[in-house]
N, C-alpha and C. Protein backbone atom coordinates (compact mmCIF):
# COMPACT_ATOMS: atom_id res chain seq x y z
N MET A 1 0.84 -1.17 0.00
CA MET A 1 0.00 0.00 0.00
C MET A 1 0.89 1.24 0.00
N GLU A 2 0.56 2.18 -0.82
CA GLU A 2 1.30 3.44 -0.88
C GLU A 2 0.47 4.54 -0.24
N ILE A 3 1.10 5.28 0.65
CA ILE A 3 0.43 6.39 1.32
C ILE A 3 1.22 7.66 1.01
N THR A 4 0.56 8.65 0.51
CA THR A 4 1.21 9.92 0.23
C THR A 4 0.87 10.91 1.33
N TYR A 5 1.80 11.80 1.60
CA TYR A 5 1.59 12.83 2.61
C TYR A 5 2.47 14.02 2.28
N GLN A 6 2.07 15.18 2.78
CA GLN A 6 2.85 16.39 2.59
C GLN A 6 3.90 16.46 3.68
N ALA A 7 5.08 16.94 3.34
CA ALA A 7 6.14 17.07 4.34
C ALA A 7 7.14 18.13 3.92
N ILE A 8 7.66 18.81 4.91
CA ILE A 8 8.79 19.71 4.71
C ILE A 8 9.98 19.01 5.35
N GLU A 9 10.92 18.58 4.54
CA GLU A 9 12.09 17.88 5.05
C GLU A 9 13.05 18.88 5.69
N CYS A 10 13.63 18.51 6.81
CA CYS A 10 14.52 19.40 7.56
C CYS A 10 15.89 18.75 7.72
N ASP A 11 16.90 19.58 7.98
CA ASP A 11 18.26 19.09 8.14
C ASP A 11 18.51 18.45 9.50
N SER A 12 17.72 18.85 10.50
CA SER A 12 17.93 18.32 11.85
C SER A 12 16.61 18.33 12.62
N MET A 13 16.61 17.65 13.76
CA MET A 13 15.42 17.66 14.61
C MET A 13 15.16 19.07 15.14
N THR A 14 16.22 19.79 15.45
CA THR A 14 16.07 21.18 15.92
C THR A 14 15.40 22.03 14.85
N ASP A 15 15.84 21.89 13.61
CA ASP A 15 15.23 22.64 12.51
C ASP A 15 13.75 22.29 12.36
N ALA A 16 13.41 21.02 12.49
CA ALA A 16 12.01 20.60 12.37
C ALA A 16 11.16 21.23 13.47
N LEU A 17 11.65 21.21 14.70
CA LEU A 17 10.93 21.82 15.81
C LEU A 17 10.74 23.32 15.59
N GLN A 18 11.79 23.99 15.15
CA GLN A 18 11.71 25.43 14.92
C GLN A 18 10.75 25.75 13.77
N TRP A 19 10.82 24.98 12.69
CA TRP A 19 9.95 25.21 11.54
C TRP A 19 8.48 25.01 11.93
N ALA A 20 8.19 23.93 12.65
CA ALA A 20 6.82 23.65 13.06
C ALA A 20 6.29 24.75 13.97
N ASP A 21 7.13 25.21 14.88
CA ASP A 21 6.73 26.27 15.81
C ASP A 21 6.49 27.58 15.07
N ALA A 22 7.39 27.93 14.18
CA ALA A 22 7.29 29.21 13.47
C ALA A 22 6.15 29.24 12.45
N SER A 23 5.94 28.12 11.77
CA SER A 23 4.92 28.12 10.71
C SER A 23 3.53 27.81 11.25
N GLY A 24 3.46 27.00 12.30
CA GLY A 24 2.16 26.59 12.83
C GLY A 24 1.38 25.72 11.87
N GLN A 25 2.06 25.12 10.90
CA GLN A 25 1.37 24.37 9.85
C GLN A 25 1.67 22.88 9.88
N GLY A 26 2.03 22.35 11.03
CA GLY A 26 2.30 20.93 11.10
C GLY A 26 3.01 20.57 12.38
N GLU A 27 3.36 19.30 12.47
CA GLU A 27 4.03 18.76 13.64
C GLU A 27 5.43 18.30 13.26
N ALA A 28 6.38 18.51 14.16
CA ALA A 28 7.73 18.02 13.96
C ALA A 28 7.76 16.53 14.26
N VAL A 29 8.25 15.73 13.32
CA VAL A 29 8.27 14.28 13.47
C VAL A 29 9.53 13.69 12.84
N LEU A 30 9.77 12.43 13.18
CA LEU A 30 10.76 11.61 12.49
C LEU A 30 10.00 10.52 11.76
N ILE A 31 10.20 10.42 10.46
CA ILE A 31 9.64 9.33 9.67
C ILE A 31 10.81 8.68 8.95
N GLY A 32 10.98 7.40 9.18
CA GLY A 32 12.14 6.71 8.60
C GLY A 32 13.45 7.31 9.05
N GLY A 33 13.48 7.87 10.26
CA GLY A 33 14.69 8.47 10.80
C GLY A 33 14.99 9.86 10.28
N GLU A 34 14.12 10.39 9.44
CA GLU A 34 14.34 11.71 8.84
C GLU A 34 13.45 12.75 9.52
N PRO A 35 14.04 13.89 9.97
CA PRO A 35 13.23 14.94 10.57
C PRO A 35 12.44 15.71 9.52
N MET A 36 11.18 15.98 9.84
CA MET A 36 10.33 16.72 8.92
C MET A 36 9.15 17.32 9.65
N VAL A 37 8.43 18.18 8.96
CA VAL A 37 7.20 18.79 9.47
C VAL A 37 6.07 18.30 8.57
N VAL A 38 5.05 17.71 9.20
CA VAL A 38 3.94 17.10 8.47
C VAL A 38 2.62 17.61 9.05
N PRO A 39 1.65 17.94 8.19
CA PRO A 39 0.34 18.37 8.70
C PRO A 39 -0.31 17.31 9.59
N LYS A 40 -1.00 17.75 10.63
CA LYS A 40 -1.64 16.84 11.59
C LYS A 40 -2.58 15.86 10.91
N ALA A 41 -3.36 16.31 9.94
CA ALA A 41 -4.31 15.41 9.25
C ALA A 41 -3.57 14.27 8.56
N ASP A 42 -2.42 14.55 7.96
CA ASP A 42 -1.63 13.50 7.32
C ASP A 42 -1.06 12.54 8.35
N LEU A 43 -0.64 13.05 9.50
CA LEU A 43 -0.12 12.18 10.56
C LEU A 43 -1.22 11.27 11.10
N ASP A 44 -2.42 11.79 11.21
CA ASP A 44 -3.54 10.95 11.66
C ASP A 44 -3.76 9.78 10.69
N ARG A 45 -3.69 10.07 9.38
CA ARG A 45 -3.86 9.02 8.38
C ARG A 45 -2.72 8.00 8.45
N LEU A 46 -1.49 8.47 8.64
CA LEU A 46 -0.35 7.56 8.75
C LEU A 46 -0.49 6.66 9.98
N ALA A 47 -0.92 7.24 11.10
CA ALA A 47 -1.10 6.44 12.32
C ALA A 47 -2.18 5.38 12.13
N GLU A 48 -3.29 5.77 11.50
CA GLU A 48 -4.37 4.82 11.25
C GLU A 48 -3.93 3.68 10.34
N ALA A 49 -3.00 3.96 9.42
CA ALA A 49 -2.51 2.95 8.49
C ALA A 49 -1.41 2.08 9.11
N GLY A 50 -1.00 2.42 10.34
CA GLY A 50 0.02 1.62 11.01
C GLY A 50 1.45 2.00 10.68
N VAL A 51 1.64 3.15 10.06
CA VAL A 51 2.99 3.61 9.73
C VAL A 51 3.67 4.09 11.01
N GLY A 52 4.90 3.65 11.22
CA GLY A 52 5.64 4.06 12.40
C GLY A 52 6.31 5.41 12.20
N PHE A 53 6.18 6.28 13.19
CA PHE A 53 6.87 7.57 13.20
C PHE A 53 6.96 8.03 14.64
N ALA A 54 7.64 9.13 14.89
CA ALA A 54 7.77 9.66 16.25
C ALA A 54 7.61 11.17 16.23
N TYR A 55 6.80 11.66 17.16
CA TYR A 55 6.67 13.11 17.36
C TYR A 55 7.94 13.60 18.05
N LEU A 56 8.32 14.85 17.77
CA LEU A 56 9.48 15.48 18.41
C LEU A 56 8.99 16.57 19.37
N PHE A 57 9.61 16.63 20.53
CA PHE A 57 9.27 17.66 21.52
C PHE A 57 10.54 18.17 22.19
N ASP A 58 10.52 19.45 22.57
CA ASP A 58 11.56 20.02 23.42
C ASP A 58 11.14 19.77 24.86
N HIS A 59 12.00 19.14 25.64
CA HIS A 59 11.70 18.84 27.05
C HIS A 59 12.68 19.62 27.92
N GLU A 60 12.13 20.41 28.85
CA GLU A 60 12.99 21.17 29.75
C GLU A 60 13.47 20.27 30.89
N MET A 61 14.78 20.20 31.05
CA MET A 61 15.38 19.39 32.10
C MET A 61 15.36 20.15 33.42
N SER A 62 15.65 19.47 34.52
CA SER A 62 15.61 20.10 35.84
C SER A 62 16.64 21.22 35.99
N ASP A 63 17.71 21.19 35.20
CA ASP A 63 18.72 22.25 35.27
C ASP A 63 18.41 23.42 34.34
N GLY A 64 17.26 23.38 33.67
CA GLY A 64 16.86 24.47 32.78
C GLY A 64 17.28 24.29 31.33
N SER A 65 18.10 23.29 31.05
CA SER A 65 18.50 23.03 29.67
C SER A 65 17.37 22.27 28.97
N TYR A 66 17.47 22.19 27.65
CA TYR A 66 16.45 21.49 26.88
C TYR A 66 17.05 20.28 26.18
N ARG A 67 16.23 19.26 26.03
CA ARG A 67 16.63 18.05 25.31
C ARG A 67 15.49 17.66 24.39
N ILE A 68 15.79 17.27 23.18
CA ILE A 68 14.76 16.81 22.25
C ILE A 68 14.42 15.37 22.61
N VAL A 69 13.12 15.11 22.77
CA VAL A 69 12.65 13.76 23.06
C VAL A 69 11.70 13.32 21.95
N THR A 70 11.59 12.02 21.76
CA THR A 70 10.66 11.48 20.76
C THR A 70 9.57 10.68 21.44
N VAL A 71 8.40 10.73 20.84
CA VAL A 71 7.25 9.94 21.30
C VAL A 71 6.82 9.09 20.12
N PRO A 72 7.12 7.78 20.18
CA PRO A 72 6.82 6.90 19.05
C PRO A 72 5.34 6.62 18.88
N VAL A 73 4.96 6.46 17.63
CA VAL A 73 3.58 6.08 17.25
C VAL A 73 3.72 4.82 16.40
N ASN A 74 2.91 3.82 16.73
CA ASN A 74 2.92 2.52 16.04
C ASN A 74 4.28 1.88 16.14
């Protein structure tokens, strides 16, 4: 089965998080190990189809620094 989706490919996870935050037009994710920004509706379809991906989030540590964490789907 082939599933098509819109994506903005990014050079790094940091770039994906910044792009998603600045544009407000999608979620920062890793698909196939590649960081990108994908519209939420497309991510919902991918999740329903069983495609594995991970959401990216900035997590504030107890010392005030930030670390990128992933939340896997499927």
